[in-house]
């Protein structure tokens, strides 16, 4: 299944891997694997791993100059 979203929390929580696209629509900037032992709303979203993945995606998006204000 492919999920297209602009919500970083949703992407990290729901996906097994995240592909961040570059400025060129055919360019993959980075593919990030997401492997949580167990997914639950409070535990997963408050984990250091969740925050780390979310921060990496945010940084990649900022580097492209798209969509997120500093």
Protein backbone atom coordinates (compact mmCIF):
# COMPACT_ATOMS: atom_id res chain seq x y z
CA UNK A 1 0.00 0.00 0.00
CA UNK A 2 1.19 3.53 -0.73
CA UNK A 3 0.20 6.37 1.58
CA UNK A 4 0.78 9.95 0.47
CA UNK A 5 0.65 12.42 3.34
CA UNK A 6 1.96 15.80 4.44
CA UNK A 7 1.54 14.91 8.11
CA UNK A 8 4.89 13.83 9.57
CA UNK A 9 3.35 12.17 12.63
CA UNK A 10 0.96 10.17 10.46
CA UNK A 11 3.78 9.05 8.17
CA UNK A 12 6.06 7.90 10.99
CA UNK A 13 3.27 6.17 12.91
CA UNK A 14 1.59 4.33 10.02
CA UNK A 15 4.39 3.42 7.61
CA UNK A 16 7.06 0.72 7.41
CA UNK A 17 9.25 2.98 5.32
CA UNK A 18 9.15 6.60 4.30
CA UNK A 19 10.35 7.95 0.99
CA UNK A 20 11.11 11.67 0.95
CA UNK A 21 10.98 13.09 -2.56
CA UNK A 22 13.33 15.80 -3.80
CA UNK A 23 12.59 18.96 -5.77
CA UNK A 24 12.49 16.93 -8.95
CA UNK A 25 9.38 14.72 -8.61
CA UNK A 26 11.27 11.68 -9.88
CA UNK A 27 14.13 12.12 -7.41
CA UNK A 28 14.13 10.19 -4.14
CA UNK A 29 15.95 12.27 -1.57
CA UNK A 30 16.06 9.51 1.05
CA UNK A 31 14.33 6.28 2.02
CA UNK A 32 13.88 5.84 5.77
CA UNK A 33 12.95 2.46 7.28
CA UNK A 34 10.49 2.59 10.20
CA UNK A 35 10.58 -0.47 12.46
CA UNK A 36 8.83 -0.22 15.80
CA UNK A 37 8.57 -3.34 17.96
CA UNK A 38 4.98 -2.45 18.79
CA UNK A 39 2.77 0.44 17.73
CA UNK A 40 0.51 2.12 20.23
CA UNK A 41 -0.58 5.76 20.26
CA UNK A 42 1.15 6.90 23.45
CA UNK A 43 4.20 4.64 23.61
CA UNK A 44 5.21 4.90 19.96
CA UNK A 45 4.64 8.63 19.55
CA UNK A 46 6.53 9.47 22.74
CA UNK A 47 9.54 7.27 21.93
CA UNK A 48 12.98 8.65 21.10
CA UNK A 49 12.98 6.63 17.86
CA UNK A 50 9.72 8.29 16.73
CA UNK A 51 11.09 11.77 17.47
CA UNK A 52 14.37 10.98 15.73
CA UNK A 53 12.69 9.76 12.53
CA UNK A 54 10.31 12.73 12.53
CA UNK A 55 13.24 15.14 12.96
CA UNK A 56 15.14 13.50 10.07
CA UNK A 57 12.14 13.87 7.75
CA UNK A 58 11.63 17.50 8.84
CA UNK A 59 15.31 18.25 8.10
CA UNK A 60 15.10 16.65 4.64
CA UNK A 61 12.00 18.67 3.78
CA UNK A 62 13.64 21.89 4.96
CA UNK A 63 16.69 21.13 2.81
CA UNK A 64 14.49 20.99 -0.31
CA UNK A 65 12.93 24.35 0.56
CA UNK A 66 9.40 22.95 0.42
CA UNK A 67 6.35 23.36 2.56
CA UNK A 68 7.57 23.83 6.12
CA UNK A 69 8.44 27.23 7.52
CA UNK A 70 11.46 27.44 9.80
